N, C-alpha and C. Protein backbone atom coordinates (compact mmCIF):
# COMPACT_ATOMS: atom_id res chain seq x y z
N MET A 1 -12.60 6.54 8.00
CA MET A 1 -11.62 5.55 8.41
C MET A 1 -11.59 4.38 7.42
N ARG A 2 -12.70 4.20 6.76
CA ARG A 2 -12.81 3.13 5.79
C ARG A 2 -11.75 3.25 4.69
N HIS A 3 -11.47 4.49 4.28
CA HIS A 3 -10.48 4.71 3.22
C HIS A 3 -9.09 4.25 3.64
N VAL A 4 -8.78 4.41 4.89
CA VAL A 4 -7.48 3.97 5.40
C VAL A 4 -7.37 2.46 5.28
N TYR A 5 -8.42 1.75 5.67
CA TYR A 5 -8.41 0.29 5.59
C TYR A 5 -8.32 -0.19 4.15
N ILE A 6 -9.07 0.44 3.27
CA ILE A 6 -9.08 0.03 1.86
C ILE A 6 -7.70 0.26 1.24
N ARG A 7 -7.09 1.40 1.52
CA ARG A 7 -5.76 1.68 0.97
C ARG A 7 -4.70 0.75 1.56
N GLY A 8 -4.84 0.43 2.82
CA GLY A 8 -3.92 -0.52 3.44
C GLY A 8 -4.04 -1.91 2.82
N MET A 9 -5.28 -2.33 2.57
CA MET A 9 -5.48 -3.64 1.93
C MET A 9 -4.95 -3.66 0.50
N MET A 10 -5.14 -2.56 -0.21
CA MET A 10 -4.61 -2.49 -1.58
C MET A 10 -3.08 -2.55 -1.56
N GLY A 11 -2.47 -1.91 -0.56
CA GLY A 11 -1.02 -2.00 -0.42
C GLY A 11 -0.58 -3.43 -0.17
N LEU A 12 -1.32 -4.15 0.67
CA LEU A 12 -0.98 -5.56 0.92
C LEU A 12 -1.13 -6.41 -0.33
N ILE A 13 -2.16 -6.14 -1.11
CA ILE A 13 -2.36 -6.88 -2.36
C ILE A 13 -1.20 -6.64 -3.32
N TRP A 14 -0.80 -5.38 -3.47
CA TRP A 14 0.32 -5.08 -4.37
C TRP A 14 1.64 -5.66 -3.85
N MET A 15 1.79 -5.70 -2.53
CA MET A 15 3.00 -6.30 -1.96
C MET A 15 3.02 -7.80 -2.23
N ALA A 16 1.88 -8.45 -2.11
CA ALA A 16 1.79 -9.88 -2.42
C ALA A 16 2.08 -10.12 -3.90
N ALA A 17 1.60 -9.23 -4.75
CA ALA A 17 1.89 -9.35 -6.18
C ALA A 17 3.38 -9.18 -6.45
N ALA A 18 4.02 -8.28 -5.72
CA ALA A 18 5.46 -8.07 -5.88
C ALA A 18 6.24 -9.31 -5.48
N VAL A 19 5.86 -9.92 -4.36
CA VAL A 19 6.56 -11.13 -3.91
C VAL A 19 6.36 -12.26 -4.92
N THR A 20 5.13 -12.44 -5.36
CA THR A 20 4.84 -13.50 -6.32
C THR A 20 5.59 -13.28 -7.63
N THR A 21 5.58 -12.06 -8.11
CA THR A 21 6.28 -11.75 -9.36
C THR A 21 7.78 -11.92 -9.20
N GLY A 22 8.31 -11.53 -8.05
CA GLY A 22 9.74 -11.70 -7.80
C GLY A 22 10.15 -13.15 -7.75
N ILE A 23 9.30 -13.99 -7.18
CA ILE A 23 9.61 -15.43 -7.11
C ILE A 23 9.69 -16.03 -8.51
N PHE A 24 8.79 -15.58 -9.39
CA PHE A 24 8.76 -16.15 -10.73
C PHE A 24 9.73 -15.48 -11.69
N GLY A 25 10.50 -14.50 -11.22
CA GLY A 25 11.63 -14.02 -11.98
C GLY A 25 11.49 -12.70 -12.71
N SER A 26 10.37 -12.04 -12.66
CA SER A 26 10.23 -10.75 -13.33
C SER A 26 10.54 -9.64 -12.34
N PHE A 27 11.83 -9.39 -12.12
CA PHE A 27 12.25 -8.47 -11.08
C PHE A 27 11.90 -7.01 -11.37
N GLU A 28 11.84 -6.64 -12.66
CA GLU A 28 11.48 -5.27 -13.00
C GLU A 28 10.05 -4.97 -12.56
N MET A 29 9.14 -5.91 -12.82
CA MET A 29 7.76 -5.73 -12.40
C MET A 29 7.63 -5.81 -10.89
N ALA A 30 8.44 -6.64 -10.24
CA ALA A 30 8.40 -6.74 -8.78
C ALA A 30 8.77 -5.40 -8.14
N VAL A 31 9.77 -4.74 -8.69
CA VAL A 31 10.16 -3.42 -8.18
C VAL A 31 9.03 -2.42 -8.39
N PHE A 32 8.40 -2.47 -9.54
CA PHE A 32 7.26 -1.59 -9.82
C PHE A 32 6.14 -1.82 -8.81
N TYR A 33 5.83 -3.08 -8.52
CA TYR A 33 4.76 -3.40 -7.57
C TYR A 33 5.13 -2.97 -6.15
N VAL A 34 6.38 -3.07 -5.79
CA VAL A 34 6.81 -2.61 -4.46
C VAL A 34 6.62 -1.10 -4.35
N VAL A 35 6.97 -0.36 -5.40
CA VAL A 35 6.78 1.09 -5.39
C VAL A 35 5.29 1.41 -5.30
N LEU A 36 4.48 0.69 -6.05
CA LEU A 36 3.04 0.92 -6.02
C LEU A 36 2.46 0.62 -4.64
N ALA A 37 2.91 -0.45 -4.02
CA ALA A 37 2.47 -0.77 -2.65
C ALA A 37 2.91 0.32 -1.69
N GLY A 38 4.12 0.83 -1.85
CA GLY A 38 4.60 1.91 -1.00
C GLY A 38 3.75 3.16 -1.11
N VAL A 39 3.29 3.47 -2.30
CA VAL A 39 2.42 4.62 -2.50
C VAL A 39 1.10 4.42 -1.75
N PHE A 40 0.53 3.24 -1.85
CA PHE A 40 -0.72 2.97 -1.13
C PHE A 40 -0.51 3.03 0.38
N PHE A 41 0.58 2.44 0.87
CA PHE A 41 0.86 2.48 2.31
C PHE A 41 1.08 3.91 2.79
N TYR A 42 1.81 4.70 2.01
CA TYR A 42 2.06 6.09 2.39
C TYR A 42 0.75 6.88 2.44
N ASN A 43 -0.10 6.69 1.43
CA ASN A 43 -1.39 7.39 1.42
C ASN A 43 -2.27 6.97 2.60
N ALA A 44 -2.28 5.70 2.92
CA ALA A 44 -3.07 5.22 4.06
C ALA A 44 -2.55 5.84 5.35
N TYR A 45 -1.24 5.87 5.51
CA TYR A 45 -0.65 6.46 6.72
C TYR A 45 -0.95 7.95 6.81
N ALA A 46 -0.79 8.66 5.71
CA ALA A 46 -1.03 10.11 5.72
C ALA A 46 -2.50 10.41 6.04
N LEU A 47 -3.41 9.64 5.49
CA LEU A 47 -4.83 9.85 5.76
C LEU A 47 -5.16 9.50 7.20
N TRP A 48 -4.57 8.42 7.72
CA TRP A 48 -4.79 8.03 9.11
C TRP A 48 -4.29 9.13 10.05
N LYS A 49 -3.11 9.65 9.75
CA LYS A 49 -2.52 10.70 10.59
C LYS A 49 -3.39 11.97 10.55
N LYS A 50 -3.89 12.31 9.37
CA LYS A 50 -4.72 13.50 9.23
C LYS A 50 -6.03 13.34 10.01
N GLU A 51 -6.66 12.16 9.93
CA GLU A 51 -7.90 11.92 10.66
C GLU A 51 -7.66 11.87 12.16
N LYS A 52 -6.51 11.34 12.56
CA LYS A 52 -6.19 11.27 13.98
C LYS A 52 -6.01 12.68 14.56
N ASP A 53 -5.34 13.55 13.81
CA ASP A 53 -5.12 14.92 14.27
C ASP A 53 -6.42 15.73 14.28
N LYS A 54 -7.33 15.37 13.38
CA LYS A 54 -8.59 16.08 13.27
C LYS A 54 -9.60 15.66 14.34
N GLY A 55 -9.36 14.55 14.98
CA GLY A 55 -10.26 14.12 16.03
C GLY A 55 -11.02 12.86 15.69
N GLY A 56 -10.64 12.18 14.62
CA GLY A 56 -11.24 10.91 14.29
C GLY A 56 -12.55 10.98 13.52
N LYS A 57 -12.92 12.17 13.09
CA LYS A 57 -14.19 12.28 12.37
C LYS A 57 -14.02 12.40 10.91
């Protein structure tokens, strides 16, 4: 379950980086960071769903 939390936190970090970068005007990098955050969030969700179906172990 630890991996789910770590990947979720990494997604939040990349999302914060996207917002910060977008505010300062580098929109190309902001889009890249949003995609990267989405990958981390998707992986966290997929792993959570797999562990939930397996019985939490």
